[in-house]
Amino acid sequence: IAEETDGYVGADLENLAREAAMLALRDSMEVKEVKKKYFDEALKKVRASVGKGDVERYRKVEEQYLRSAKAALVKDASYLG
């Protein structure tokens, strides 16, 4: 399951588990465990809330922030008071 849920955050995994459990219960109210087949079926419905494009945008924003923060540190380091 971990290999199939790259990019999923905690809430996404919670939704996946909940959906898998609901699928198992629909098959039988007597179910004692949620098998992988239910997770596989749930994966068809539950998607990651953060897409690869979002991750790339966040990475670029982080890079810009780090560059500006580093520049500010260098500028402040030259101040002798």
N, C-alpha and C. Protein backbone atom coordinates (compact mmCIF):
# COMPACT_ATOMS: atom_id res chain seq x y z
N ILE A 1 0.84 -1.19 0.00
CA ILE A 1 0.00 0.00 0.00
C ILE A 1 0.88 1.25 0.00
N ALA A 2 1.98 1.22 0.74
CA ALA A 2 2.86 2.39 0.82
C ALA A 2 3.38 2.78 -0.56
N GLU A 3 3.72 1.80 -1.37
CA GLU A 3 4.24 2.10 -2.71
C GLU A 3 3.17 2.72 -3.60
N GLU A 4 1.92 2.44 -3.32
CA GLU A 4 0.82 2.93 -4.15
C GLU A 4 0.27 4.27 -3.66
N THR A 5 0.75 4.76 -2.53
CA THR A 5 0.19 5.98 -1.96
C THR A 5 1.23 7.09 -1.85
N ASP A 6 2.18 7.10 -2.76
CA ASP A 6 3.17 8.17 -2.78
C ASP A 6 2.45 9.51 -2.98
N GLY A 7 2.75 10.47 -2.14
CA GLY A 7 2.12 11.77 -2.24
C GLY A 7 0.88 11.92 -1.37
N TYR A 8 0.44 10.84 -0.76
CA TYR A 8 -0.72 10.92 0.13
C TYR A 8 -0.28 11.50 1.47
N VAL A 9 -1.11 12.36 2.02
CA VAL A 9 -0.85 12.90 3.36
C VAL A 9 -1.69 12.10 4.35
N GLY A 10 -1.52 12.39 5.63
CA GLY A 10 -2.23 11.64 6.67
C GLY A 10 -3.73 11.57 6.46
N ALA A 11 -4.33 12.69 6.12
CA ALA A 11 -5.78 12.72 5.91
C ALA A 11 -6.18 11.85 4.71
N ASP A 12 -5.34 11.82 3.68
CA ASP A 12 -5.63 10.98 2.52
C ASP A 12 -5.60 9.50 2.91
N LEU A 13 -4.61 9.14 3.73
CA LEU A 13 -4.50 7.74 4.17
C LEU A 13 -5.67 7.37 5.07
N GLU A 14 -6.10 8.31 5.89
CA GLU A 14 -7.27 8.07 6.73
C GLU A 14 -8.50 7.83 5.86
N ASN A 15 -8.68 8.65 4.84
CA ASN A 15 -9.81 8.48 3.92
C ASN A 15 -9.73 7.14 3.20
N LEU A 16 -8.52 6.76 2.81
CA LEU A 16 -8.33 5.48 2.13
C LEU A 16 -8.73 4.32 3.04
N ALA A 17 -8.28 4.35 4.28
CA ALA A 17 -8.61 3.29 5.24
C ALA A 17 -10.11 3.25 5.51
N ARG A 18 -10.71 4.41 5.64
CA ARG A 18 -12.15 4.47 5.89
C ARG A 18 -12.93 3.90 4.71
N GLU A 19 -12.53 4.27 3.50
CA GLU A 19 -13.21 3.76 2.31
C GLU A 19 -13.03 2.25 2.19
N ALA A 20 -11.83 1.75 2.45
CA ALA A 20 -11.59 0.30 2.40
C ALA A 20 -12.46 -0.42 3.42
N ALA A 21 -12.58 0.15 4.61
CA ALA A 21 -13.42 -0.46 5.65
C ALA A 21 -14.89 -0.47 5.22
N MET A 22 -15.34 0.61 4.62
CA MET A 22 -16.74 0.66 4.16
C MET A 22 -16.99 -0.38 3.08
N LEU A 23 -16.04 -0.55 2.18
CA LEU A 23 -16.19 -1.56 1.13
C LEU A 23 -16.26 -2.96 1.74
N ALA A 24 -15.43 -3.21 2.73
CA ALA A 24 -15.44 -4.52 3.39
C ALA A 24 -16.78 -4.74 4.09
N LEU A 25 -17.29 -3.72 4.75
CA LEU A 25 -18.57 -3.85 5.46
C LEU A 25 -19.73 -4.04 4.49
N ARG A 26 -19.63 -3.46 3.31
CA ARG A 26 -20.69 -3.65 2.32
C ARG A 26 -20.74 -5.10 1.85
N ASP A 27 -19.57 -5.74 1.83
CA ASP A 27 -19.54 -7.16 1.46
C ASP A 27 -20.14 -8.02 2.57
N SER A 28 -19.80 -7.68 3.80
CA SER A 28 -20.30 -8.47 4.93
C SER A 28 -20.21 -7.65 6.21
N MET A 29 -21.31 -7.57 6.91
CA MET A 29 -21.31 -6.86 8.20
C MET A 29 -20.56 -7.66 9.27
N GLU A 30 -20.21 -8.89 8.96
CA GLU A 30 -19.50 -9.75 9.91
C GLU A 30 -17.99 -9.69 9.71
N VAL A 31 -17.51 -8.85 8.82
CA VAL A 31 -16.09 -8.80 8.49
C VAL A 31 -15.26 -8.48 9.74
N LYS A 32 -14.13 -9.18 9.87
CA LYS A 32 -13.25 -9.00 11.02
C LYS A 32 -11.96 -8.25 10.66
N GLU A 33 -11.64 -8.23 9.37
CA GLU A 33 -10.43 -7.54 8.93
C GLU A 33 -10.65 -6.95 7.54
N VAL A 34 -9.89 -5.91 7.26
CA VAL A 34 -9.98 -5.25 5.95
C VAL A 34 -8.81 -5.74 5.12
N LYS A 35 -9.11 -6.51 4.11
CA LYS A 35 -8.06 -7.12 3.29
C LYS A 35 -7.58 -6.16 2.20
N LYS A 36 -6.44 -6.50 1.63
CA LYS A 36 -5.82 -5.64 0.62
C LYS A 36 -6.74 -5.40 -0.57
N LYS A 37 -7.56 -6.37 -0.92
CA LYS A 37 -8.44 -6.17 -2.08
C LYS A 37 -9.35 -4.97 -1.87
N TYR A 38 -9.73 -4.70 -0.63
CA TYR A 38 -10.57 -3.53 -0.35
C TYR A 38 -9.76 -2.24 -0.47
N PHE A 39 -8.51 -2.30 -0.06
CA PHE A 39 -7.65 -1.13 -0.24
C PHE A 39 -7.41 -0.86 -1.72
N ASP A 40 -7.21 -1.93 -2.48
CA ASP A 40 -7.01 -1.76 -3.92
C ASP A 40 -8.23 -1.10 -4.56
N GLU A 41 -9.40 -1.52 -4.14
CA GLU A 41 -10.63 -0.92 -4.67
C GLU A 41 -10.78 0.53 -4.20
N ALA A 42 -10.43 0.78 -2.95
CA ALA A 42 -10.52 2.14 -2.40
C ALA A 42 -9.56 3.09 -3.11
N LEU A 43 -8.41 2.57 -3.53
CA LEU A 43 -7.43 3.40 -4.24
C LEU A 43 -7.98 3.94 -5.56
N LYS A 44 -8.98 3.28 -6.10
CA LYS A 44 -9.60 3.76 -7.33
C LYS A 44 -10.45 5.01 -7.08
N LYS A 45 -10.85 5.19 -5.81
CA LYS A 45 -11.72 6.32 -5.46
C LYS A 45 -10.99 7.44 -4.73
N VAL A 46 -10.05 7.08 -3.88
CA VAL A 46 -9.38 8.06 -3.02
C VAL A 46 -8.05 8.45 -3.66
N ARG A 47 -7.90 9.72 -3.92
CA ARG A 47 -6.68 10.24 -4.55
C ARG A 47 -5.92 11.13 -3.57
N ALA A 48 -4.66 11.33 -3.85
CA ALA A 48 -3.84 12.24 -3.04
C ALA A 48 -4.39 13.65 -3.16
N SER A 49 -4.42 14.36 -2.06
CA SER A 49 -4.95 15.72 -2.09
C SER A 49 -3.93 16.72 -2.62
N VAL A 50 -2.67 16.33 -2.63
CA VAL A 50 -1.60 17.19 -3.15
C VAL A 50 -1.02 16.50 -4.38
N GLY A 51 -1.15 17.15 -5.52
CA GLY A 51 -0.66 16.57 -6.77
C GLY A 51 0.82 16.85 -6.98
N LYS A 52 1.39 16.19 -7.97
CA LYS A 52 2.81 16.38 -8.28
C LYS A 52 3.10 17.82 -8.70
N GLY A 53 2.17 18.44 -9.39
CA GLY A 53 2.34 19.84 -9.78
C GLY A 53 2.39 20.74 -8.56
N ASP A 54 1.56 20.44 -7.57
CA ASP A 54 1.56 21.21 -6.32
C ASP A 54 2.90 21.08 -5.61
N VAL A 55 3.41 19.87 -5.56
CA VAL A 55 4.70 19.62 -4.89
C VAL A 55 5.80 20.43 -5.58
N GLU A 56 5.78 20.45 -6.90
CA GLU A 56 6.79 21.21 -7.64
C GLU A 56 6.68 22.70 -7.35
N ARG A 57 5.45 23.22 -7.31
CA ARG A 57 5.26 24.64 -6.99
C ARG A 57 5.76 24.95 -5.59
N TYR A 58 5.45 24.09 -4.62
CA TYR A 58 5.92 24.30 -3.25
C TYR A 58 7.44 24.26 -3.18
N ARG A 59 8.05 23.37 -3.96
CA ARG A 59 9.51 23.27 -3.97
C ARG A 59 10.12 24.57 -4.49
N LYS A 60 9.53 25.14 -5.54
CA LYS A 60 10.04 26.39 -6.10
C LYS A 60 9.89 27.55 -5.11
N VAL A 61 8.75 27.59 -4.44
CA VAL A 61 8.54 28.64 -3.43
C VAL A 61 9.56 28.50 -2.32
N GLU A 62 9.80 27.27 -1.90
CA GLU A 62 10.79 27.03 -0.84
C GLU A 62 12.18 27.48 -1.29
N GLU A 63 12.56 27.16 -2.51
CA GLU A 63 13.87 27.58 -3.03
C GLU A 63 13.99 29.10 -3.03
N GLN A 64 12.95 29.78 -3.48
CA GLN A 64 12.98 31.25 -3.50
C GLN A 64 13.10 31.81 -2.09
N TYR A 65 12.35 31.24 -1.18
CA TYR A 65 12.40 31.70 0.21
C TYR A 65 13.80 31.50 0.79
N LEU A 66 14.37 30.32 0.56
CA LEU A 66 15.69 30.04 1.12
C LEU A 66 16.75 30.96 0.53
N ARG A 67 16.64 31.25 -0.77
CA ARG A 67 17.59 32.19 -1.39
C ARG A 67 17.47 33.57 -0.76
N SER A 68 16.24 34.05 -0.58
CA SER A 68 16.07 35.39 -0.01
C SER A 68 16.48 35.41 1.47
N ALA A 69 16.20 34.33 2.19
CA ALA A 69 16.60 34.27 3.60
C ALA A 69 18.12 34.24 3.72
N LYS A 70 18.77 33.50 2.84
CA LYS A 70 20.23 33.43 2.86
C LYS A 70 20.82 34.80 2.53
N ALA A 71 20.24 35.49 1.57
CA ALA A 71 20.72 36.82 1.20
C ALA A 71 20.56 37.79 2.37
N ALA A 72 19.45 37.68 3.09
CA ALA A 72 19.22 38.55 4.24
C ALA A 72 20.23 38.26 5.34
N LEU A 73 20.57 37.00 5.54
CA LEU A 73 21.56 36.65 6.56
C LEU A 73 22.93 37.21 6.22
N VAL A 74 23.30 37.12 4.96
CA VAL A 74 24.60 37.64 4.53
C VAL A 74 24.63 39.15 4.72
N LYS A 75 23.55 39.83 4.37
CA LYS A 75 23.46 41.28 4.52
C LYS A 75 23.57 41.66 6.00
N ASP A 76 22.86 40.96 6.87
CA ASP A 76 22.89 41.25 8.30
C ASP A 76 24.25 40.93 8.92
N ALA A 77 24.95 39.95 8.39
CA ALA A 77 26.25 39.57 8.93
C ALA A 77 27.29 40.66 8.73
N SER A 78 27.10 41.50 7.72
CA SER A 78 28.08 42.55 7.46
C SER A 78 27.85 43.79 8.33
N TYR A 79 26.77 43.82 9.05
CA TYR A 79 26.46 44.96 9.91
C TYR A 79 27.33 44.91 11.15
N LEU A 80 28.04 45.99 11.41
CA LEU A 80 28.95 46.02 12.55
C LEU A 80 28.42 46.82 13.72
N GLY A 81 27.32 47.50 13.55
CA GLY A 81 26.67 48.22 14.64
C GLY A 81 27.36 49.45 14.95
